Amino acid sequence: MHIVSQIVGALIVFIALGDIDLTVLQGGSVSWVSGRLNRMVWRVFQGAASILPRNRN
């Protein structure tokens, strides 16, 4: 189990480094990780906003 957790951790690190490379170092491009994360966070906030009352006083 120790080896599996090290492999999974290394994969997470490589995915994060690839995402950083695509979003920060190569200006203007959006990687698939940050694009999906952005859409997911946006949907969460839209859902939370739909629950809140729409009083604009």
PDB file of N, CA and C in Angstrom:
ATOM      1  N   MET A   1       0.821  -1.196   0.000  1.00  0.00           N
ATOM      2  CA  MET A   1       0.000   0.000   0.000  1.00  0.00           C
ATOM      3  C   MET A   1       0.859   1.251   0.000  1.00  0.00           C
ATOM      4  N   HIS A   2       2.027   1.167   0.602  1.00  0.00           N
ATOM      5  CA  HIS A   2       2.930   2.310   0.666  1.00  0.00           C
ATOM      6  C   HIS A   2       3.409   2.706  -0.732  1.00  0.00           C
ATOM      7  N   ILE A   3       3.695   1.748  -1.573  1.00  0.00           N
ATOM      8  CA  ILE A   3       4.152   2.007  -2.935  1.00  0.00           C
ATOM      9  C   ILE A   3       3.032   2.642  -3.763  1.00  0.00           C
ATOM     10  N   VAL A   4       1.821   2.153  -3.586  1.00  0.00           N
ATOM     11  CA  VAL A   4       0.679   2.688  -4.330  1.00  0.00           C
ATOM     12  C   VAL A   4       0.447   4.146  -3.970  1.00  0.00           C
ATOM     13  N   SER A   5       0.539   4.477  -2.700  1.00  0.00           N
ATOM     14  CA  SER A   5       0.329   5.871  -2.296  1.00  0.00           C
ATOM     15  C   SER A   5       1.440   6.769  -2.837  1.00  0.00           C
ATOM     16  N   GLN A   6       2.653   6.259  -2.947  1.00  0.00           N
ATOM     17  CA  GLN A   6       3.736   7.053  -3.526  1.00  0.00           C
ATOM     18  C   GLN A   6       3.513   7.284  -5.018  1.00  0.00           C
ATOM     19  N   ILE A   7       3.034   6.275  -5.713  1.00  0.00           N
ATOM     20  CA  ILE A   7       2.759   6.416  -7.143  1.00  0.00           C
ATOM     21  C   ILE A   7       1.623   7.403  -7.376  1.00  0.00           C
ATOM     22  N   VAL A   8       0.565   7.301  -6.580  1.00  0.00           N
ATOM     23  CA  VAL A   8      -0.562   8.233  -6.707  1.00  0.00           C
ATOM     24  C   VAL A   8      -0.111   9.657  -6.385  1.00  0.00           C
ATOM     25  N   GLY A   9       0.707   9.809  -5.371  1.00  0.00           N
ATOM     26  CA  GLY A   9       1.226  11.135  -5.034  1.00  0.00           C
ATOM     27  C   GLY A   9       2.088  11.713  -6.142  1.00  0.00           C
ATOM     28  N   ALA A  10       2.930  10.886  -6.749  1.00  0.00           N
ATOM     29  CA  ALA A  10       3.764  11.347  -7.855  1.00  0.00           C
ATOM     30  C   ALA A  10       2.902  11.750  -9.051  1.00  0.00           C
ATOM     31  N   LEU A  11       1.839  11.000  -9.326  1.00  0.00           N
ATOM     32  CA  LEU A  11       0.937  11.365 -10.422  1.00  0.00           C
ATOM     33  C   LEU A  11       0.253  12.701 -10.164  1.00  0.00           C
ATOM     34  N   ILE A  12      -0.168  12.922  -8.935  1.00  0.00           N
ATOM     35  CA  ILE A  12      -0.801  14.199  -8.591  1.00  0.00           C
ATOM     36  C   ILE A  12       0.185  15.352  -8.774  1.00  0.00           C
ATOM     37  N   VAL A  13       1.426  15.160  -8.367  1.00  0.00           N
ATOM     38  CA  VAL A  13       2.441  16.196  -8.525  1.00  0.00           C
ATOM     39  C   VAL A  13       2.695  16.484 -10.002  1.00  0.00           C
ATOM     40  N   PHE A  14       2.807  15.440 -10.837  1.00  0.00           N
ATOM     41  CA  PHE A  14       3.050  15.647 -12.262  1.00  0.00           C
ATOM     42  C   PHE A  14       1.871  16.314 -12.951  1.00  0.00           C
ATOM     43  N   ILE A  15       0.662  15.969 -12.551  1.00  0.00           N
ATOM     44  CA  ILE A  15      -0.516  16.631 -13.113  1.00  0.00           C
ATOM     45  C   ILE A  15      -0.533  18.104 -12.721  1.00  0.00           C
ATOM     46  N   ALA A  16      -0.212  18.393 -11.466  1.00  0.00           N
ATOM     47  CA  ALA A  16      -0.180  19.791 -11.010  1.00  0.00           C
ATOM     48  C   ALA A  16       0.911  20.575 -11.742  1.00  0.00           C
ATOM     49  N   LEU A  17       2.077  19.975 -11.935  1.00  0.00           N
ATOM     50  CA  LEU A  17       3.149  20.663 -12.657  1.00  0.00           C
ATOM     51  C   LEU A  17       2.767  20.907 -14.114  1.00  0.00           C
ATOM     52  N   GLY A  18       2.113  19.941 -14.728  1.00  0.00           N
ATOM     53  CA  GLY A  18       1.649  20.129 -16.099  1.00  0.00           C
ATOM     54  C   GLY A  18       0.611  21.226 -16.201  1.00  0.00           C
ATOM     55  N   ASP A  19      -0.276  21.295 -15.220  1.00  0.00           N
ATOM     56  CA  ASP A  19      -1.287  22.347 -15.204  1.00  0.00           C
ATOM     57  C   ASP A  19      -0.642  23.715 -15.030  1.00  0.00           C
ATOM     58  N   ILE A  20       0.336  23.804 -14.166  1.00  0.00           N
ATOM     59  CA  ILE A  20       1.054  25.066 -13.978  1.00  0.00           C
ATOM     60  C   ILE A  20       1.761  25.475 -15.257  1.00  0.00           C
ATOM     61  N   ASP A  21       2.365  24.517 -15.924  1.00  0.00           N
ATOM     62  CA  ASP A  21       3.062  24.807 -17.165  1.00  0.00           C
ATOM     63  C   ASP A  21       2.106  25.343 -18.222  1.00  0.00           C
ATOM     64  N   LEU A  22       0.945  24.721 -18.355  1.00  0.00           N
ATOM     65  CA  LEU A  22       0.007  25.148 -19.387  1.00  0.00           C
ATOM     66  C   LEU A  22      -0.678  26.468 -19.076  1.00  0.00           C
ATOM     67  N   THR A  23      -0.932  26.755 -17.808  1.00  0.00           N
ATOM     68  CA  THR A  23      -1.688  27.967 -17.482  1.00  0.00           C
ATOM     69  C   THR A  23      -0.808  29.173 -17.195  1.00  0.00           C
ATOM     70  N   VAL A  24       0.334  28.979 -16.570  1.00  0.00           N
ATOM     71  CA  VAL A  24       1.158  30.109 -16.158  1.00  0.00           C
ATOM     72  C   VAL A  24       2.286  30.375 -17.149  1.00  0.00           C
ATOM     73  N   LEU A  25       3.015  29.352 -17.478  1.00  0.00           N
ATOM     74  CA  LEU A  25       4.199  29.544 -18.297  1.00  0.00           C
ATOM     75  C   LEU A  25       3.882  29.745 -19.774  1.00  0.00           C
ATOM     76  N   GLN A  26       2.809  29.175 -20.251  1.00  0.00           N
ATOM     77  CA  GLN A  26       2.381  29.381 -21.633  1.00  0.00           C
ATOM     78  C   GLN A  26       1.152  30.276 -21.615  1.00  0.00           C
ATOM     79  N   GLY A  27       1.370  31.557 -21.732  1.00  0.00           N
ATOM     80  CA  GLY A  27       0.289  32.522 -21.575  1.00  0.00           C
ATOM     81  C   GLY A  27      -0.835  32.324 -22.572  1.00  0.00           C
ATOM     82  N   GLY A  28      -2.047  32.454 -22.087  1.00  0.00           N
ATOM     83  CA  GLY A  28      -3.215  32.390 -22.943  1.00  0.00           C
ATOM     84  C   GLY A  28      -3.833  31.019 -23.084  1.00  0.00           C
ATOM     85  N   SER A  29      -3.132  29.978 -22.712  1.00  0.00           N
ATOM     86  CA  SER A  29      -3.719  28.641 -22.845  1.00  0.00           C
ATOM     87  C   SER A  29      -4.346  28.221 -21.518  1.00  0.00           C
ATOM     88  N   VAL A  30      -5.351  27.378 -21.610  1.00  0.00           N
ATOM     89  CA  VAL A  30      -6.028  26.868 -20.421  1.00  0.00           C
ATOM     90  C   VAL A  30      -5.882  25.361 -20.434  1.00  0.00           C
ATOM     91  N   SER A  31      -5.376  24.806 -19.359  1.00  0.00           N
ATOM     92  CA  SER A  31      -5.218  23.358 -19.325  1.00  0.00           C
ATOM     93  C   SER A  31      -6.542  22.696 -18.989  1.00  0.00           C
ATOM     94  N   TRP A  32      -6.623  21.397 -19.201  1.00  0.00           N
ATOM     95  CA  TRP A  32      -7.875  20.680 -18.966  1.00  0.00           C
ATOM     96  C   TRP A  32      -8.191  20.586 -17.482  1.00  0.00           C
ATOM     97  N   VAL A  33      -7.188  20.639 -16.629  1.00  0.00           N
ATOM     98  CA  VAL A  33      -7.436  20.564 -15.181  1.00  0.00           C
ATOM     99  C   VAL A  33      -8.042  21.876 -14.690  1.00  0.00           C
ATOM    100  N   SER A  34      -7.403  22.997 -15.014  1.00  0.00           N
ATOM    101  CA  SER A  34      -7.909  24.276 -14.515  1.00  0.00           C
ATOM    102  C   SER A  34      -9.221  24.662 -15.184  1.00  0.00           C
ATOM    103  N   GLY A  35      -9.420  24.280 -16.436  1.00  0.00           N
ATOM    104  CA  GLY A  35     -10.685  24.563 -17.102  1.00  0.00           C
ATOM    105  C   GLY A  35     -11.849  23.839 -16.458  1.00  0.00           C
ATOM    106  N   ARG A  36     -11.651  22.559 -16.156  1.00  0.00           N
ATOM    107  CA  ARG A  36     -12.707  21.784 -15.498  1.00  0.00           C
ATOM    108  C   ARG A  36     -12.941  22.278 -14.078  1.00  0.00           C
ATOM    109  N   LEU A  37     -11.865  22.588 -13.382  1.00  0.00           N
ATOM    110  CA  LEU A  37     -12.006  23.088 -12.013  1.00  0.00           C
ATOM    111  C   LEU A  37     -12.746  24.420 -12.006  1.00  0.00           C
ATOM    112  N   ASN A  38     -12.451  25.274 -12.973  1.00  0.00           N
ATOM    113  CA  ASN A  38     -13.127  26.562 -13.079  1.00  0.00           C
ATOM    114  C   ASN A  38     -14.627  26.368 -13.300  1.00  0.00           C
ATOM    115  N   ARG A  39     -15.008  25.469 -14.214  1.00  0.00           N
ATOM    116  CA  ARG A  39     -16.430  25.216 -14.464  1.00  0.00           C
ATOM    117  C   ARG A  39     -17.117  24.617 -13.247  1.00  0.00           C
ATOM    118  N   MET A  40     -16.423  23.725 -12.531  1.00  0.00           N
ATOM    119  CA  MET A  40     -17.014  23.099 -11.358  1.00  0.00           C
ATOM    120  C   MET A  40     -17.273  24.132 -10.250  1.00  0.00           C
ATOM    121  N   VAL A  41     -16.305  24.996 -10.006  1.00  0.00           N
ATOM    122  CA  VAL A  41     -16.465  26.030  -8.980  1.00  0.00           C
ATOM    123  C   VAL A  41     -17.576  26.996  -9.382  1.00  0.00           C
ATOM    124  N   TRP A  42     -17.650  27.335 -10.669  1.00  0.00           N
ATOM    125  CA  TRP A  42     -18.690  28.239 -11.152  1.00  0.00           C
ATOM    126  C   TRP A  42     -20.076  27.638 -10.918  1.00  0.00           C
ATOM    127  N   ARG A  43     -20.238  26.333 -11.183  1.00  0.00           N
ATOM    128  CA  ARG A  43     -21.526  25.677 -10.960  1.00  0.00           C
ATOM    129  C   ARG A  43     -21.892  25.638  -9.482  1.00  0.00           C
ATOM    130  N   VAL A  44     -20.906  25.454  -8.618  1.00  0.00           N
ATOM    131  CA  VAL A  44     -21.170  25.443  -7.178  1.00  0.00           C
ATOM    132  C   VAL A  44     -21.693  26.809  -6.737  1.00  0.00           C
ATOM    133  N   PHE A  45     -21.051  27.884  -7.200  1.00  0.00           N
ATOM    134  CA  PHE A  45     -21.504  29.218  -6.814  1.00  0.00           C
ATOM    135  C   PHE A  45     -22.851  29.556  -7.435  1.00  0.00           C
ATOM    136  N   GLN A  46     -23.127  29.092  -8.649  1.00  0.00           N
ATOM    137  CA  GLN A  46     -24.446  29.317  -9.236  1.00  0.00           C
ATOM    138  C   GLN A  46     -25.525  28.595  -8.437  1.00  0.00           C
ATOM    139  N   GLY A  47     -25.234  27.378  -7.997  1.00  0.00           N
ATOM    140  CA  GLY A  47     -26.192  26.640  -7.181  1.00  0.00           C
ATOM    141  C   GLY A  47     -26.432  27.318  -5.850  1.00  0.00           C
ATOM    142  N   ALA A  48     -25.366  27.820  -5.230  1.00  0.00           N
ATOM    143  CA  ALA A  48     -25.518  28.526  -3.951  1.00  0.00           C
ATOM    144  C   ALA A  48     -26.297  29.819  -4.146  1.00  0.00           C
ATOM    145  N   ALA A  49     -26.065  30.509  -5.256  1.00  0.00           N
ATOM    146  CA  ALA A  49     -26.780  31.760  -5.512  1.00  0.00           C
ATOM    147  C   ALA A  49     -28.257  31.507  -5.782  1.00  0.00           C
ATOM    148  N   SER A  50     -28.593  30.365  -6.367  1.00  0.00           N
ATOM    149  CA  SER A  50     -30.002  30.098  -6.645  1.00  0.00           C
ATOM    150  C   SER A  50     -30.779  29.789  -5.362  1.00  0.00           C
ATOM    151  N   ILE A  51     -30.085  29.341  -4.331  1.00  0.00           N
ATOM    152  CA  ILE A  51     -30.734  29.044  -3.050  1.00  0.00           C
ATOM    153  C   ILE A  51     -31.005  30.326  -2.263  1.00  0.00           C
ATOM    154  N   LEU A  52     -30.115  31.290  -2.381  1.00  0.00           N
ATOM    155  CA  LEU A  52     -30.230  32.545  -1.608  1.00  0.00           C
ATOM    156  C   LEU A  52     -31.385  33.392  -2.119  1.00  0.00           C
ATOM    157  N   PRO A  53     -31.986  34.185  -1.239  1.00  0.00           N
ATOM    158  CA  PRO A  53     -33.066  35.064  -1.679  1.00  0.00           C
ATOM    159  C   PRO A  53     -32.554  36.173  -2.599  1.00  0.00           C
ATOM    160  N   ARG A  54     -33.424  36.656  -3.472  1.00  0.00           N
ATOM    161  CA  ARG A  54     -33.039  37.666  -4.463  1.00  0.00           C
ATOM    162  C   ARG A  54     -33.469  39.070  -4.066  1.00  0.00           C
ATOM    163  N   ASN A  55     -33.398  39.401  -2.784  1.00  0.00           N
ATOM    164  CA  ASN A  55     -33.767  40.726  -2.296  1.00  0.00           C
ATOM    165  C   ASN A  55     -32.626  41.686  -2.581  1.00  0.00           C
ATOM    166  N   ARG A  56     -32.904  42.750  -3.346  1.00  0.00           N
ATOM    167  CA  ARG A  56     -31.845  43.702  -3.729  1.00  0.00           C
ATOM    168  C   ARG A  56     -32.081  45.073  -3.131  1.00  0.00           C
ATOM    169  N   ASN A  57     -32.284  45.159  -1.857  1.00  0.00           N
ATOM    170  CA  ASN A  57     -32.488  46.456  -1.202  1.00  0.00           C
ATOM    171  C   ASN A  57     -31.190  47.167  -0.973  1.00  0.00           C
TER     172      ASN A  57
END
